[in-house]
């Protein structure tokens, strides 16, 4: 008997997700590697520090990292949780919620 593969019918969706994951990995690698270009190791104190050419570049980098790694995900999660809470409380006594 022939059984169809449930994963083959959504190949375009899977490819899109794979591309998005690869793009996110590349972006994350770029963001994590960037400070290594400005890192200077001091042999006297045996420690490495970031030595930015100017303070504006350092502040811009930190601001971008904060927005991309903290502010956007936190905003999206808050929005989703508010939608869930609105769904739960709007159901009231109807008990229409899926289990």
N, C-alpha and C. Protein backbone atom coordinates (compact mmCIF):
# COMPACT_ATOMS: atom_id res chain seq x y z
N UNK A 1 0.84 -1.17 0.00
CA UNK A 1 0.00 0.00 0.00
C UNK A 1 0.89 1.24 0.00
N UNK A 2 0.51 2.29 -0.68
CA UNK A 2 1.29 3.51 -0.84
C UNK A 2 0.81 4.57 0.16
N UNK A 3 1.74 5.05 0.95
CA UNK A 3 1.45 6.14 1.88
C UNK A 3 2.23 7.36 1.44
N UNK A 4 1.56 8.47 1.34
CA UNK A 4 2.27 9.68 0.92
C UNK A 4 3.03 10.27 2.10
N UNK A 5 4.13 10.87 1.81
CA UNK A 5 4.96 11.51 2.82
C UNK A 5 4.34 12.87 3.17
N UNK A 6 3.97 13.10 4.42
CA UNK A 6 3.33 14.36 4.77
C UNK A 6 4.28 15.55 4.69
N UNK A 7 5.58 15.30 4.66
CA UNK A 7 6.54 16.39 4.62
C UNK A 7 6.79 16.88 3.20
N UNK A 8 6.47 16.10 2.20
CA UNK A 8 6.75 16.48 0.82
C UNK A 8 5.75 17.47 0.26
N UNK A 9 4.57 17.53 0.80
CA UNK A 9 3.56 18.42 0.22
C UNK A 9 3.82 19.89 0.54
N UNK A 10 4.65 20.16 1.53
CA UNK A 10 4.94 21.54 1.90
C UNK A 10 6.41 21.89 1.68
N UNK A 11 6.95 21.44 0.58
CA UNK A 11 8.37 21.66 0.30
C UNK A 11 8.69 23.14 0.22
N UNK A 12 7.84 23.93 -0.42
CA UNK A 12 8.12 25.36 -0.54
C UNK A 12 8.14 26.02 0.83
N UNK A 13 7.25 25.60 1.72
CA UNK A 13 7.23 26.14 3.08
C UNK A 13 8.50 25.75 3.82
N UNK A 14 8.92 24.51 3.67
CA UNK A 14 10.14 24.04 4.34
C UNK A 14 11.35 24.80 3.82
N UNK A 15 11.42 25.02 2.52
CA UNK A 15 12.54 25.77 1.94
C UNK A 15 12.56 27.19 2.47
N UNK A 16 11.39 27.81 2.59
CA UNK A 16 11.31 29.18 3.10
C UNK A 16 11.81 29.23 4.54
N UNK A 17 11.40 28.26 5.35
CA UNK A 17 11.84 28.22 6.74
C UNK A 17 13.34 27.98 6.81
N UNK A 18 13.86 27.10 5.97
CA UNK A 18 15.30 26.84 5.95
C UNK A 18 16.07 28.11 5.59
N UNK A 19 15.59 28.85 4.63
CA UNK A 19 16.25 30.09 4.23
C UNK A 19 16.22 31.10 5.37
N UNK A 20 15.07 31.23 6.03
CA UNK A 20 14.97 32.16 7.15
C UNK A 20 15.90 31.77 8.29
N UNK A 21 16.01 30.49 8.58
CA UNK A 21 16.90 30.04 9.65
C UNK A 21 18.35 30.33 9.28
N UNK A 22 18.72 30.05 8.05
CA UNK A 22 20.10 30.31 7.61
C UNK A 22 20.42 31.81 7.65
N UNK A 23 19.47 32.65 7.24
CA UNK A 23 19.68 34.09 7.30
C UNK A 23 19.86 34.55 8.75
N UNK A 24 19.07 34.01 9.65
CA UNK A 24 19.18 34.38 11.06
C UNK A 24 20.52 33.94 11.63
N UNK A 25 20.97 32.74 11.28
CA UNK A 25 22.28 32.28 11.74
C UNK A 25 23.39 33.19 11.24
N UNK A 26 23.32 33.56 9.97
CA UNK A 26 24.35 34.44 9.40
C UNK A 26 24.34 35.80 10.09
N UNK A 27 23.16 36.34 10.31
CA UNK A 27 23.06 37.64 10.98
C UNK A 27 23.59 37.56 12.40
N UNK A 28 23.25 36.49 13.12
CA UNK A 28 23.72 36.32 14.49
C UNK A 28 25.24 36.18 14.52
N UNK A 29 25.78 35.41 13.60
CA UNK A 29 27.24 35.27 13.53
C UNK A 29 27.90 36.61 13.26
N UNK A 30 27.32 37.40 12.38
CA UNK A 30 27.87 38.73 12.09
C UNK A 30 27.83 39.62 13.32
N UNK A 31 26.74 39.58 14.06
CA UNK A 31 26.62 40.41 15.26
C UNK A 31 27.57 39.94 16.36
N UNK A 32 27.82 38.64 16.45
CA UNK A 32 28.70 38.13 17.50
C UNK A 32 30.17 38.28 17.15
N UNK A 33 30.49 38.31 15.87
CA UNK A 33 31.89 38.42 15.45
C UNK A 33 32.34 39.87 15.41
N UNK A 34 31.43 40.79 15.23
CA UNK A 34 31.79 42.21 15.09
C UNK A 34 32.66 42.73 16.23
N UNK A 35 32.34 42.46 17.50
CA UNK A 35 33.22 42.98 18.57
C UNK A 35 34.64 42.43 18.52
N UNK A 36 34.84 41.27 17.92
CA UNK A 36 36.19 40.71 17.87
C UNK A 36 37.10 41.53 16.97
N UNK A 37 36.54 42.32 16.06
CA UNK A 37 37.37 43.17 15.20
C UNK A 37 37.92 44.38 15.95
N UNK A 38 37.29 44.75 17.04
CA UNK A 38 37.75 45.91 17.80
C UNK A 38 38.35 45.51 19.15
N UNK A 39 38.56 44.22 19.36
CA UNK A 39 39.11 43.75 20.62
C UNK A 39 40.63 43.84 20.61
N UNK A 40 41.17 44.42 21.66
CA UNK A 40 42.62 44.54 21.82
C UNK A 40 42.99 43.86 23.14
N UNK A 41 43.98 43.00 23.07
CA UNK A 41 44.42 42.30 24.28
C UNK A 41 45.60 43.04 24.90
N UNK A 42 45.52 43.24 26.20
CA UNK A 42 46.57 43.92 26.95
C UNK A 42 47.35 42.87 27.74
N UNK A 43 48.63 42.73 27.43
CA UNK A 43 49.45 41.71 28.08
C UNK A 43 49.75 42.06 29.53
N UNK A 44 49.74 43.33 29.86
CA UNK A 44 50.06 43.76 31.23
C UNK A 44 48.99 43.29 32.20
N UNK A 45 47.72 43.51 31.84
CA UNK A 45 46.65 43.10 32.74
C UNK A 45 46.08 41.73 32.37
N UNK A 46 46.59 41.16 31.28
CA UNK A 46 46.16 39.85 30.80
C UNK A 46 44.64 39.79 30.62
N UNK A 47 44.17 40.79 29.86
CA UNK A 47 42.72 40.90 29.65
C UNK A 47 42.49 41.56 28.30
N UNK A 48 41.37 41.23 27.67
CA UNK A 48 41.03 41.82 26.38
C UNK A 48 39.87 42.80 26.56
N UNK A 49 39.97 43.93 25.89
CA UNK A 49 38.94 44.97 25.95
C UNK A 49 38.57 45.40 24.54
N UNK A 50 37.37 45.93 24.42
CA UNK A 50 36.95 46.48 23.13
C UNK A 50 37.51 47.89 23.02
N UNK A 51 38.22 48.15 21.93
CA UNK A 51 38.81 49.46 21.70
C UNK A 51 38.19 50.06 20.44
N UNK A 52 37.03 50.68 20.58
CA UNK A 52 36.33 51.29 19.46
C UNK A 52 37.07 52.56 19.04
N UNK A 53 37.03 52.87 17.74
CA UNK A 53 37.70 54.07 17.25
C UNK A 53 37.05 55.33 17.79
N UNK A 54 35.75 55.31 17.96
CA UNK A 54 35.06 56.43 18.58
C UNK A 54 33.86 55.91 19.37
N UNK A 55 33.42 56.69 20.32
CA UNK A 55 32.34 56.27 21.20
C UNK A 55 31.01 56.15 20.46
N UNK A 56 30.85 56.90 19.38
CA UNK A 56 29.59 56.85 18.63
C UNK A 56 29.38 55.47 18.00
N UNK A 57 30.44 54.88 17.48
CA UNK A 57 30.33 53.55 16.89
C UNK A 57 29.95 52.52 17.95
N UNK A 58 30.55 52.61 19.12
CA UNK A 58 30.24 51.67 20.19
C UNK A 58 28.79 51.82 20.64
N UNK A 59 28.34 53.05 20.80
CA UNK A 59 26.95 53.29 21.23
C UNK A 59 25.96 52.82 20.17
N UNK A 60 26.27 53.06 18.90
CA UNK A 60 25.38 52.62 17.82
C UNK A 60 25.30 51.10 17.80
N UNK A 61 26.43 50.43 17.97
CA UNK A 61 26.45 48.97 17.97
C UNK A 61 25.61 48.42 19.13
N UNK A 62 25.79 48.98 20.30
CA UNK A 62 25.03 48.52 21.47
C UNK A 62 23.54 48.79 21.28
N UNK A 63 23.19 49.93 20.71
CA UNK A 63 21.78 50.25 20.48
C UNK A 63 21.15 49.28 19.49
N UNK A 64 21.85 48.96 18.43
CA UNK A 64 21.33 48.01 17.43
C UNK A 64 21.17 46.63 18.05
N UNK A 65 22.17 46.19 18.80
CA UNK A 65 22.09 44.88 19.45
C UNK A 65 20.92 44.84 20.43
N UNK A 66 20.73 45.92 21.19
CA UNK A 66 19.63 45.97 22.15
C UNK A 66 18.28 45.86 21.44
N UNK A 67 18.11 46.61 20.36
CA UNK A 67 16.84 46.60 19.63
C UNK A 67 16.59 45.22 19.02
N UNK A 68 17.58 44.66 18.37
CA UNK A 68 17.40 43.39 17.66
C UNK A 68 17.31 42.18 18.59
N UNK A 69 18.07 42.19 19.66
CA UNK A 69 18.12 41.01 20.54
C UNK A 69 17.17 41.10 21.73
N UNK A 70 16.72 42.28 22.09
CA UNK A 70 15.89 42.41 23.28
C UNK A 70 14.54 43.07 23.01
N UNK A 71 14.57 44.25 22.43
CA UNK A 71 13.35 45.04 22.30
C UNK A 71 12.33 44.40 21.36
N UNK A 72 12.76 43.99 20.18
CA UNK A 72 11.83 43.39 19.21
C UNK A 72 11.28 42.06 19.72
N UNK A 73 12.12 41.11 20.20
CA UNK A 73 11.55 39.86 20.72
C UNK A 73 10.61 40.08 21.90
N UNK A 74 10.97 40.98 22.82
CA UNK A 74 10.12 41.25 23.97
C UNK A 74 8.78 41.84 23.54
N UNK A 75 8.81 42.73 22.57
CA UNK A 75 7.57 43.33 22.06
C UNK A 75 6.69 42.28 21.40
N UNK A 76 7.28 41.42 20.59
CA UNK A 76 6.50 40.38 19.92
C UNK A 76 5.90 39.40 20.92
N UNK A 77 6.68 39.01 21.92
CA UNK A 77 6.15 38.08 22.93
C UNK A 77 5.04 38.73 23.74
N UNK A 78 5.20 39.99 24.09
CA UNK A 78 4.16 40.69 24.85
C UNK A 78 2.88 40.78 24.04
N UNK A 79 3.01 41.10 22.77
CA UNK A 79 1.84 41.19 21.90
C UNK A 79 1.12 39.83 21.82
N UNK A 80 1.88 38.77 21.63
CA UNK A 80 1.28 37.44 21.54
C UNK A 80 0.59 37.05 22.84
N UNK A 81 1.23 37.32 23.99
CA UNK A 81 0.61 36.99 25.26
C UNK A 81 -0.65 37.81 25.50
N UNK A 82 -0.66 39.07 25.09
CA UNK A 82 -1.86 39.89 25.23
C UNK A 82 -3.00 39.34 24.37
N UNK A 83 -2.66 38.87 23.18
CA UNK A 83 -3.68 38.24 22.33
C UNK A 83 -4.24 36.99 23.00
N UNK A 84 -3.37 36.18 23.58
CA UNK A 84 -3.81 34.97 24.26
C UNK A 84 -4.71 35.31 25.45
N UNK A 85 -4.30 36.29 26.24
CA UNK A 85 -5.12 36.69 27.38
C UNK A 85 -6.47 37.24 26.94
N UNK A 86 -6.47 38.02 25.87
CA UNK A 86 -7.73 38.55 25.36
C UNK A 86 -8.64 37.41 24.90
N UNK A 87 -8.06 36.39 24.29
CA UNK A 87 -8.84 35.23 23.86
C UNK A 87 -9.43 34.49 25.06
N UNK A 88 -8.61 34.31 26.08
CA UNK A 88 -9.07 33.58 27.26
C UNK A 88 -10.18 34.35 27.97
N UNK A 89 -9.99 35.65 28.17
CA UNK A 89 -10.98 36.43 28.91
C UNK A 89 -12.22 36.75 28.09
N UNK A 90 -12.09 36.80 26.77
CA UNK A 90 -13.28 37.08 25.95
C UNK A 90 -14.15 35.84 25.82
N UNK A 91 -13.56 34.66 26.07
CA UNK A 91 -14.36 33.44 25.98
C UNK A 91 -15.37 33.38 27.12
N UNK A 92 -15.00 33.98 28.25
CA UNK A 92 -15.92 34.04 29.39
C UNK A 92 -16.41 32.68 29.80
N UNK A 93 -17.73 32.52 29.86
CA UNK A 93 -18.30 31.25 30.29
C UNK A 93 -18.69 30.37 29.11
N UNK A 94 -18.36 30.81 27.88
CA UNK A 94 -18.73 30.02 26.71
C UNK A 94 -17.97 28.71 26.62
N UNK A 95 -16.79 28.68 27.16
CA UNK A 95 -15.93 27.49 27.11
C UNK A 95 -15.65 27.06 25.67
N UNK A 96 -15.42 28.05 24.82
CA UNK A 96 -15.13 27.78 23.40
C UNK A 96 -13.65 27.54 23.15
N UNK A 97 -12.85 27.55 24.18
CA UNK A 97 -11.42 27.44 24.00
C UNK A 97 -11.02 26.02 23.59
N UNK A 98 -10.10 25.91 22.65
CA UNK A 98 -9.63 24.57 22.28
C UNK A 98 -8.80 23.98 23.39
N UNK A 99 -8.87 22.71 23.55
CA UNK A 99 -8.10 22.04 24.60
C UNK A 99 -6.76 21.60 24.07
